[in-house]
Amino acid sequence: MTIVLYEHPFSSYVQKAKTAFYEKGIAFETKMLDGSEPVASEFAALWPIQRFPVIVDDGQFVFEATGIIEYLDACFPHTARL
């Protein structure tokens, strides 16, 4: 299953998380949080604080850019270490 990254186009924290995915060569899908429905409601249901980035990996939620980077390092140790 592909990891889903909830992102906003102007967030530098999202860019930090996306850089980790690209550097490690990990496939991911994005869902843009630009205020449009139904993605905004879906995101609010997942993470009521509504801060991003957030990833969902096989039902597990990981929040904030640094947490996402640590998670990717732990789950994909055979790729470049960040």
PDB file of N, CA and C in Angstrom:
ATOM      1  N   MET A   1       0.842  -1.188   0.000  1.00  0.00           N
ATOM      2  CA  MET A   1       0.000   0.000   0.000  1.00  0.00           C
ATOM      3  C   MET A   1       0.887   1.252   0.000  1.00  0.00           C
ATOM      4  N   THR A   2       0.500   2.230  -0.757  1.00  0.00           N
ATOM      5  CA  THR A   2       1.265   3.469  -0.879  1.00  0.00           C
ATOM      6  C   THR A   2       1.011   4.389   0.311  1.00  0.00           C
ATOM      7  N   ILE A   3       2.058   5.041   0.760  1.00  0.00           N
ATOM      8  CA  ILE A   3       1.938   6.028   1.831  1.00  0.00           C
ATOM      9  C   ILE A   3       1.248   7.267   1.264  1.00  0.00           C
ATOM     10  N   VAL A   4       0.312   7.821   2.032  1.00  0.00           N
ATOM     11  CA  VAL A   4      -0.405   9.030   1.621  1.00  0.00           C
ATOM     12  C   VAL A   4       0.110  10.208   2.439  1.00  0.00           C
ATOM     13  N   LEU A   5       0.489  11.268   1.765  1.00  0.00           N
ATOM     14  CA  LEU A   5       0.963  12.495   2.401  1.00  0.00           C
ATOM     15  C   LEU A   5      -0.086  13.577   2.202  1.00  0.00           C
ATOM     16  N   TYR A   6      -0.611  14.091   3.302  1.00  0.00           N
ATOM     17  CA  TYR A   6      -1.540  15.226   3.241  1.00  0.00           C
ATOM     18  C   TYR A   6      -0.694  16.489   3.268  1.00  0.00           C
ATOM     19  N   GLU A   7      -0.880  17.339   2.271  1.00  0.00           N
ATOM     20  CA  GLU A   7       0.003  18.492   2.128  1.00  0.00           C
ATOM     21  C   GLU A   7      -0.751  19.767   1.777  1.00  0.00           C
ATOM     22  N   HIS A   8      -0.085  20.878   2.048  1.00  0.00           N
ATOM     23  CA  HIS A   8      -0.548  22.196   1.615  1.00  0.00           C
ATOM     24  C   HIS A   8       0.541  22.751   0.703  1.00  0.00           C
ATOM     25  N   PRO A   9       0.178  23.396  -0.392  1.00  0.00           N
ATOM     26  CA  PRO A   9       1.178  23.807  -1.375  1.00  0.00           C
ATOM     27  C   PRO A   9       2.204  24.831  -0.891  1.00  0.00           C
ATOM     28  N   PHE A  10       1.918  25.578   0.162  1.00  0.00           N
ATOM     29  CA  PHE A  10       2.834  26.625   0.606  1.00  0.00           C
ATOM     30  C   PHE A  10       3.571  26.299   1.902  1.00  0.00           C
ATOM     31  N   SER A  11       3.478  25.067   2.363  1.00  0.00           N
ATOM     32  CA  SER A  11       4.089  24.692   3.636  1.00  0.00           C
ATOM     33  C   SER A  11       5.541  24.254   3.454  1.00  0.00           C
ATOM     34  N   SER A  12       6.457  24.939   4.125  1.00  0.00           N
ATOM     35  CA  SER A  12       7.863  24.533   4.076  1.00  0.00           C
ATOM     36  C   SER A  12       8.069  23.214   4.814  1.00  0.00           C
ATOM     37  N   TYR A  13       7.228  22.922   5.800  1.00  0.00           N
ATOM     38  CA  TYR A  13       7.324  21.656   6.518  1.00  0.00           C
ATOM     39  C   TYR A  13       6.956  20.488   5.609  1.00  0.00           C
ATOM     40  N   VAL A  14       5.980  20.692   4.752  1.00  0.00           N
ATOM     41  CA  VAL A  14       5.617  19.664   3.770  1.00  0.00           C
ATOM     42  C   VAL A  14       6.789  19.438   2.818  1.00  0.00           C
ATOM     43  N   GLN A  15       7.442  20.512   2.393  1.00  0.00           N
ATOM     44  CA  GLN A  15       8.586  20.376   1.487  1.00  0.00           C
ATOM     45  C   GLN A  15       9.702  19.569   2.142  1.00  0.00           C
ATOM     46  N   LYS A  16       9.905  19.764   3.433  1.00  0.00           N
ATOM     47  CA  LYS A  16      10.910  19.008   4.182  1.00  0.00           C
ATOM     48  C   LYS A  16      10.574  17.518   4.148  1.00  0.00           C
ATOM     49  N   ALA A  17       9.318  17.176   4.389  1.00  0.00           N
ATOM     50  CA  ALA A  17       8.891  15.773   4.371  1.00  0.00           C
ATOM     51  C   ALA A  17       9.000  15.188   2.961  1.00  0.00           C
ATOM     52  N   LYS A  18       8.580  15.950   1.955  1.00  0.00           N
ATOM     53  CA  LYS A  18       8.652  15.461   0.575  1.00  0.00           C
ATOM     54  C   LYS A  18      10.099  15.219   0.152  1.00  0.00           C
ATOM     55  N   THR A  19      11.002  16.073   0.594  1.00  0.00           N
ATOM     56  CA  THR A  19      12.416  15.881   0.285  1.00  0.00           C
ATOM     57  C   THR A  19      12.903  14.544   0.823  1.00  0.00           C
ATOM     58  N   ALA A  20      12.455  14.182   2.016  1.00  0.00           N
ATOM     59  CA  ALA A  20      12.838  12.890   2.596  1.00  0.00           C
ATOM     60  C   ALA A  20      12.353  11.735   1.723  1.00  0.00           C
ATOM     61  N   PHE A  21      11.116  11.799   1.264  1.00  0.00           N
ATOM     62  CA  PHE A  21      10.596  10.754   0.376  1.00  0.00           C
ATOM     63  C   PHE A  21      11.446  10.648  -0.890  1.00  0.00           C
ATOM     64  N   TYR A  22      11.738  11.785  -1.508  1.00  0.00           N
ATOM     65  CA  TYR A  22      12.509  11.784  -2.749  1.00  0.00           C
ATOM     66  C   TYR A  22      13.935  11.283  -2.528  1.00  0.00           C
ATOM     67  N   GLU A  23      14.580  11.731  -1.463  1.00  0.00           N
ATOM     68  CA  GLU A  23      15.957  11.318  -1.176  1.00  0.00           C
ATOM     69  C   GLU A  23      16.054   9.822  -0.899  1.00  0.00           C
ATOM     70  N   LYS A  24      15.030   9.270  -0.250  1.00  0.00           N
ATOM     71  CA  LYS A  24      15.031   7.851   0.074  1.00  0.00           C
ATOM     72  C   LYS A  24      14.452   6.995  -1.051  1.00  0.00           C
ATOM     73  N   GLY A  25      13.871   7.626  -2.067  1.00  0.00           N
ATOM     74  CA  GLY A  25      13.306   6.884  -3.185  1.00  0.00           C
ATOM     75  C   GLY A  25      12.051   6.106  -2.830  1.00  0.00           C
ATOM     76  N   ILE A  26      11.245   6.645  -1.925  1.00  0.00           N
ATOM     77  CA  ILE A  26      10.028   5.980  -1.460  1.00  0.00           C
ATOM     78  C   ILE A  26       8.827   6.545  -2.209  1.00  0.00           C
ATOM     79  N   ALA A  27       8.036   5.645  -2.772  1.00  0.00           N
ATOM     80  CA  ALA A  27       6.825   6.063  -3.488  1.00  0.00           C
ATOM     81  C   ALA A  27       5.788   6.570  -2.495  1.00  0.00           C
ATOM     82  N   PHE A  28       5.072   7.614  -2.880  1.00  0.00           N
ATOM     83  CA  PHE A  28       4.007   8.141  -2.032  1.00  0.00           C
ATOM     84  C   PHE A  28       2.970   8.833  -2.892  1.00  0.00           C
ATOM     85  N   GLU A  29       1.792   8.972  -2.319  1.00  0.00           N
ATOM     86  CA  GLU A  29       0.676   9.662  -2.967  1.00  0.00           C
ATOM     87  C   GLU A  29       0.405  10.921  -2.162  1.00  0.00           C
ATOM     88  N   THR A  30      -0.009  11.991  -2.819  1.00  0.00           N
ATOM     89  CA  THR A  30      -0.324  13.216  -2.086  1.00  0.00           C
ATOM     90  C   THR A  30      -1.809  13.534  -2.168  1.00  0.00           C
ATOM     91  N   LYS A  31      -2.279  14.170  -1.115  1.00  0.00           N
ATOM     92  CA  LYS A  31      -3.625  14.730  -1.100  1.00  0.00           C
ATOM     93  C   LYS A  31      -3.469  16.197  -0.728  1.00  0.00           C
ATOM     94  N   MET A  32      -3.872  17.055  -1.634  1.00  0.00           N
ATOM     95  CA  MET A  32      -3.697  18.494  -1.474  1.00  0.00           C
ATOM     96  C   MET A  32      -4.743  19.067  -0.529  1.00  0.00           C
ATOM     97  N   LEU A  33      -4.270  19.809   0.468  1.00  0.00           N
ATOM     98  CA  LEU A  33      -5.146  20.477   1.427  1.00  0.00           C
ATOM     99  C   LEU A  33      -5.189  21.957   1.080  1.00  0.00           C
ATOM    100  N   ASP A  34      -6.086  22.291   0.193  1.00  0.00           N
ATOM    101  CA  ASP A  34      -6.207  23.679  -0.232  1.00  0.00           C
ATOM    102  C   ASP A  34      -7.539  24.282   0.189  1.00  0.00           C
ATOM    103  N   GLY A  35      -8.226  23.608   1.109  1.00  0.00           N
ATOM    104  CA  GLY A  35      -9.510  24.099   1.596  1.00  0.00           C
ATOM    105  C   GLY A  35     -10.697  23.532   0.852  1.00  0.00           C
ATOM    106  N   SER A  36     -10.439  22.786  -0.212  1.00  0.00           N
ATOM    107  CA  SER A  36     -11.551  22.229  -0.984  1.00  0.00           C
ATOM    108  C   SER A  36     -12.082  20.959  -0.330  1.00  0.00           C
ATOM    109  N   GLU A  37     -13.305  20.705  -0.582  1.00  0.00           N
ATOM    110  CA  GLU A  37     -13.937  19.486  -0.094  1.00  0.00           C
ATOM    111  C   GLU A  37     -13.776  18.411  -1.162  1.00  0.00           C
ATOM    112  N   PRO A  38     -13.780  17.138  -0.840  1.00  0.00           N
ATOM    113  CA  PRO A  38     -13.957  16.530   0.468  1.00  0.00           C
ATOM    114  C   PRO A  38     -12.649  16.296   1.217  1.00  0.00           C
ATOM    115  N   VAL A  39     -11.507  16.621   0.612  1.00  0.00           N
ATOM    116  CA  VAL A  39     -10.227  16.340   1.258  1.00  0.00           C
ATOM    117  C   VAL A  39     -10.096  17.065   2.588  1.00  0.00           C
ATOM    118  N   ALA A  40     -10.543  18.301   2.688  1.00  0.00           N
ATOM    119  CA  ALA A  40     -10.442  19.060   3.940  1.00  0.00           C
ATOM    120  C   ALA A  40     -11.210  18.374   5.059  1.00  0.00           C
ATOM    121  N   SER A  41     -12.387  17.884   4.779  1.00  0.00           N
ATOM    122  CA  SER A  41     -13.176  17.182   5.796  1.00  0.00           C
ATOM    123  C   SER A  41     -12.532  15.857   6.170  1.00  0.00           C
ATOM    124  N   GLU A  42     -11.999  15.168   5.176  1.00  0.00           N
ATOM    125  CA  GLU A  42     -11.311  13.899   5.423  1.00  0.00           C
ATOM    126  C   GLU A  42     -10.118  14.129   6.342  1.00  0.00           C
ATOM    127  N   PHE A  43      -9.340  15.170   6.068  1.00  0.00           N
ATOM    128  CA  PHE A  43      -8.170  15.485   6.877  1.00  0.00           C
ATOM    129  C   PHE A  43      -8.574  15.883   8.291  1.00  0.00           C
ATOM    130  N   ALA A  44      -9.607  16.697   8.437  1.00  0.00           N
ATOM    131  CA  ALA A  44     -10.076  17.123   9.761  1.00  0.00           C
ATOM    132  C   ALA A  44     -10.519  15.928  10.592  1.00  0.00           C
ATOM    133  N   ALA A  45     -11.112  14.938   9.952  1.00  0.00           N
ATOM    134  CA  ALA A  45     -11.526  13.735  10.674  1.00  0.00           C
ATOM    135  C   ALA A  45     -10.319  12.918  11.129  1.00  0.00           C
ATOM    136  N   LEU A  46      -9.248  12.921  10.341  1.00  0.00           N
ATOM    137  CA  LEU A  46      -8.041  12.172  10.691  1.00  0.00           C
ATOM    138  C   LEU A  46      -7.230  12.864  11.776  1.00  0.00           C
ATOM    139  N   TRP A  47      -7.133  14.176  11.676  1.00  0.00           N
ATOM    140  CA  TRP A  47      -6.230  14.950  12.533  1.00  0.00           C
ATOM    141  C   TRP A  47      -6.916  16.263  12.892  1.00  0.00           C
ATOM    142  N   PRO A  48      -7.689  16.271  13.994  1.00  0.00           N
ATOM    143  CA  PRO A  48      -8.490  17.448  14.361  1.00  0.00           C
ATOM    144  C   PRO A  48      -7.690  18.742  14.546  1.00  0.00           C
ATOM    145  N   ILE A  49      -6.428  18.641  14.895  1.00  0.00           N
ATOM    146  CA  ILE A  49      -5.601  19.839  15.067  1.00  0.00           C
ATOM    147  C   ILE A  49      -5.359  20.515  13.716  1.00  0.00           C
ATOM    148  N   GLN A  50      -5.439  19.745  12.647  1.00  0.00           N
ATOM    149  CA  GLN A  50      -5.326  20.219  11.267  1.00  0.00           C
ATOM    150  C   GLN A  50      -4.003  20.918  10.960  1.00  0.00           C
ATOM    151  N   ARG A  51      -2.937  20.362  11.470  1.00  0.00           N
ATOM    152  CA  ARG A  51      -1.600  20.836  11.099  1.00  0.00           C
ATOM    153  C   ARG A  51      -1.003  19.798  10.155  1.00  0.00           C
ATOM    154  N   PHE A  52      -0.124  20.214   9.311  1.00  0.00           N
ATOM    155  CA  PHE A  52       0.465  19.296   8.356  1.00  0.00           C
ATOM    156  C   PHE A  52       1.975  19.498   8.326  1.00  0.00           C
ATOM    157  N   PRO A  53       2.678  18.550   7.796  1.00  0.00           N
ATOM    158  CA  PRO A  53       2.241  17.382   7.052  1.00  0.00           C
ATOM    159  C   PRO A  53       1.810  16.229   7.954  1.00  0.00           C
ATOM    160  N   VAL A  54       1.032  15.354   7.376  1.00  0.00           N
ATOM    161  CA  VAL A  54       0.600  14.107   8.006  1.00  0.00           C
ATOM    162  C   VAL A  54       0.733  13.026   6.949  1.00  0.00           C
ATOM    163  N   ILE A  55       1.245  11.856   7.360  1.00  0.00           N
ATOM    164  CA  ILE A  55       1.221  10.719   6.453  1.00  0.00           C
ATOM    165  C   ILE A  55       0.360   9.626   7.064  1.00  0.00           C
ATOM    166  N   VAL A  56      -0.204   8.820   6.182  1.00  0.00           N
ATOM    167  CA  VAL A  56      -0.947   7.633   6.592  1.00  0.00           C
ATOM    168  C   VAL A  56      -0.296   6.469   5.866  1.00  0.00           C
ATOM    169  N   ASP A  57       0.205   5.529   6.658  1.00  0.00           N
ATOM    170  CA  ASP A  57       0.873   4.351   6.111  1.00  0.00           C
ATOM    171  C   ASP A  57       0.200   3.112   6.665  1.00  0.00           C
ATOM    172  N   ASP A  58      -0.608   2.470   5.838  1.00  0.00           N
ATOM    173  CA  ASP A  58      -1.309   1.247   6.223  1.00  0.00           C
ATOM    174  C   ASP A  58      -2.082   1.428   7.534  1.00  0.00           C
ATOM    175  N   GLY A  59      -2.786   2.540   7.641  1.00  0.00           N
ATOM    176  CA  GLY A  59      -3.616   2.816   8.811  1.00  0.00           C
ATOM    177  C   GLY A  59      -2.901   3.493   9.966  1.00  0.00           C
ATOM    178  N   GLN A  60      -1.595   3.632   9.878  1.00  0.00           N
ATOM    179  CA  GLN A  60      -0.823   4.302  10.936  1.00  0.00           C
ATOM    180  C   GLN A  60      -0.599   5.758  10.537  1.00  0.00           C
ATOM    181  N   PHE A  61      -0.822   6.668  11.482  1.00  0.00           N
ATOM    182  CA  PHE A  61      -0.678   8.095  11.242  1.00  0.00           C
ATOM    183  C   PHE A  61       0.631   8.592  11.841  1.00  0.00           C
ATOM    184  N   VAL A  62       1.334   9.423  11.079  1.00  0.00           N
ATOM    185  CA  VAL A  62       2.563  10.049  11.563  1.00  0.00           C
ATOM    186  C   VAL A  62       2.443  11.534  11.256  1.00  0.00           C
ATOM    187  N   PHE A  63       2.734  12.353  12.261  1.00  0.00           N
ATOM    188  CA  PHE A  63       2.510  13.789  12.173  1.00  0.00           C
ATOM    189  C   PHE A  63       3.821  14.559  12.241  1.00  0.00           C
ATOM    190  N   GLU A  64       3.834  15.719  11.602  1.00  0.00           N
ATOM    191  CA  GLU A  64       4.934  16.671  11.634  1.00  0.00           C
ATOM    192  C   GLU A  64       6.141  16.163  10.845  1.00  0.00           C
ATOM    193  N   ALA A  65       6.850  17.071  10.217  1.00  0.00           N
ATOM    194  CA  ALA A  65       7.928  16.729   9.288  1.00  0.00           C
ATOM    195  C   ALA A  65       9.037  15.902   9.934  1.00  0.00           C
ATOM    196  N   THR A  66       9.501  16.299  11.100  1.00  0.00           N
ATOM    197  CA  THR A  66      10.586  15.564  11.749  1.00  0.00           C
ATOM    198  C   THR A  66      10.144  14.159  12.120  1.00  0.00           C
ATOM    199  N   GLY A  67       8.938  14.013  12.619  1.00  0.00           N
ATOM    200  CA  GLY A  67       8.399  12.691  12.945  1.00  0.00           C
ATOM    201  C   GLY A  67       8.290  11.811  11.713  1.00  0.00           C
ATOM    202  N   ILE A  68       7.902  12.400  10.601  1.00  0.00           N
ATOM    203  CA  ILE A  68       7.795  11.656   9.346  1.00  0.00           C
ATOM    204  C   ILE A  68       9.174  11.183   8.894  1.00  0.00           C
ATOM    205  N   ILE A  69      10.165  12.046   8.981  1.00  0.00           N
ATOM    206  CA  ILE A  69      11.528  11.672   8.587  1.00  0.00           C
ATOM    207  C   ILE A  69      12.043  10.538   9.464  1.00  0.00           C
ATOM    208  N   GLU A  70      11.833  10.623  10.763  1.00  0.00           N
ATOM    209  CA  GLU A  70      12.259   9.557  11.673  1.00  0.00           C
ATOM    210  C   GLU A  70      11.536   8.248  11.357  1.00  0.00           C
ATOM    211  N   TYR A  71      10.258   8.338  11.061  1.00  0.00           N
ATOM    212  CA  TYR A  71       9.470   7.159  10.710  1.00  0.00           C
ATOM    213  C   TYR A  71      10.012   6.514   9.432  1.00  0.00           C
ATOM    214  N   LEU A  72      10.282   7.321   8.419  1.00  0.00           N
ATOM    215  CA  LEU A  72      10.807   6.781   7.163  1.00  0.00           C
ATOM    216  C   LEU A  72      12.167   6.125   7.365  1.00  0.00           C
ATOM    217  N   ASP A  73      13.026   6.725   8.184  1.00  0.00           N
ATOM    218  CA  ASP A  73      14.325   6.115   8.487  1.00  0.00           C
ATOM    219  C   ASP A  73      14.154   4.771   9.185  1.00  0.00           C
ATOM    220  N   ALA A  74      13.204   4.685  10.102  1.00  0.00           N
ATOM    221  CA  ALA A  74      12.980   3.436  10.839  1.00  0.00           C
ATOM    222  C   ALA A  74      12.362   2.350   9.954  1.00  0.00           C
ATOM    223  N   CYS A  75      11.448   2.731   9.090  1.00  0.00           N
ATOM    224  CA  CYS A  75      10.735   1.753   8.255  1.00  0.00           C
ATOM    225  C   CYS A  75      11.490   1.364   6.990  1.00  0.00           C
ATOM    226  N   PHE A  76      12.412   2.201   6.561  1.00  0.00           N
ATOM    227  CA  PHE A  76      13.155   1.947   5.328  1.00  0.00           C
ATOM    228  C   PHE A  76      14.658   2.084   5.589  1.00  0.00           C
ATOM    229  N   PRO A  77      15.214   1.205   6.448  1.00  0.00           N
ATOM    230  CA  PRO A  77      16.625   1.336   6.822  1.00  0.00           C
ATOM    231  C   PRO A  77      17.602   1.036   5.680  1.00  0.00           C
ATOM    232  N   HIS A  78      17.140   0.360   4.644  1.00  0.00           N
ATOM    233  CA  HIS A  78      17.997   0.007   3.513  1.00  0.00           C
ATOM    234  C   HIS A  78      18.208   1.173   2.543  1.00  0.00           C
ATOM    235  N   THR A  79      17.481   2.270   2.745  1.00  0.00           N
ATOM    236  CA  THR A  79      17.623   3.446   1.888  1.00  0.00           C
ATOM    237  C   THR A  79      18.554   4.458   2.555  1.00  0.00           C
ATOM    238  N   ALA A  80      18.836   5.547   1.863  1.00  0.00           N
ATOM    239  CA  ALA A  80      19.729   6.583   2.397  1.00  0.00           C
ATOM    240  C   ALA A  80      19.255   7.057   3.767  1.00  0.00           C
ATOM    241  N   ARG A  81      20.186   7.168   4.694  1.00  0.00           N
ATOM    242  CA  ARG A  81      19.868   7.646   6.047  1.00  0.00           C
ATOM    243  C   ARG A  81      19.812   9.169   6.028  1.00  0.00           C
ATOM    244  N   LEU A  82      18.776   9.711   6.669  1.00  0.00           N
ATOM    245  CA  LEU A  82      18.614  11.169   6.682  1.00  0.00           C
ATOM    246  C   LEU A  82      19.023  11.764   8.009  1.00  0.00           C
TER     247      LEU A  82
END
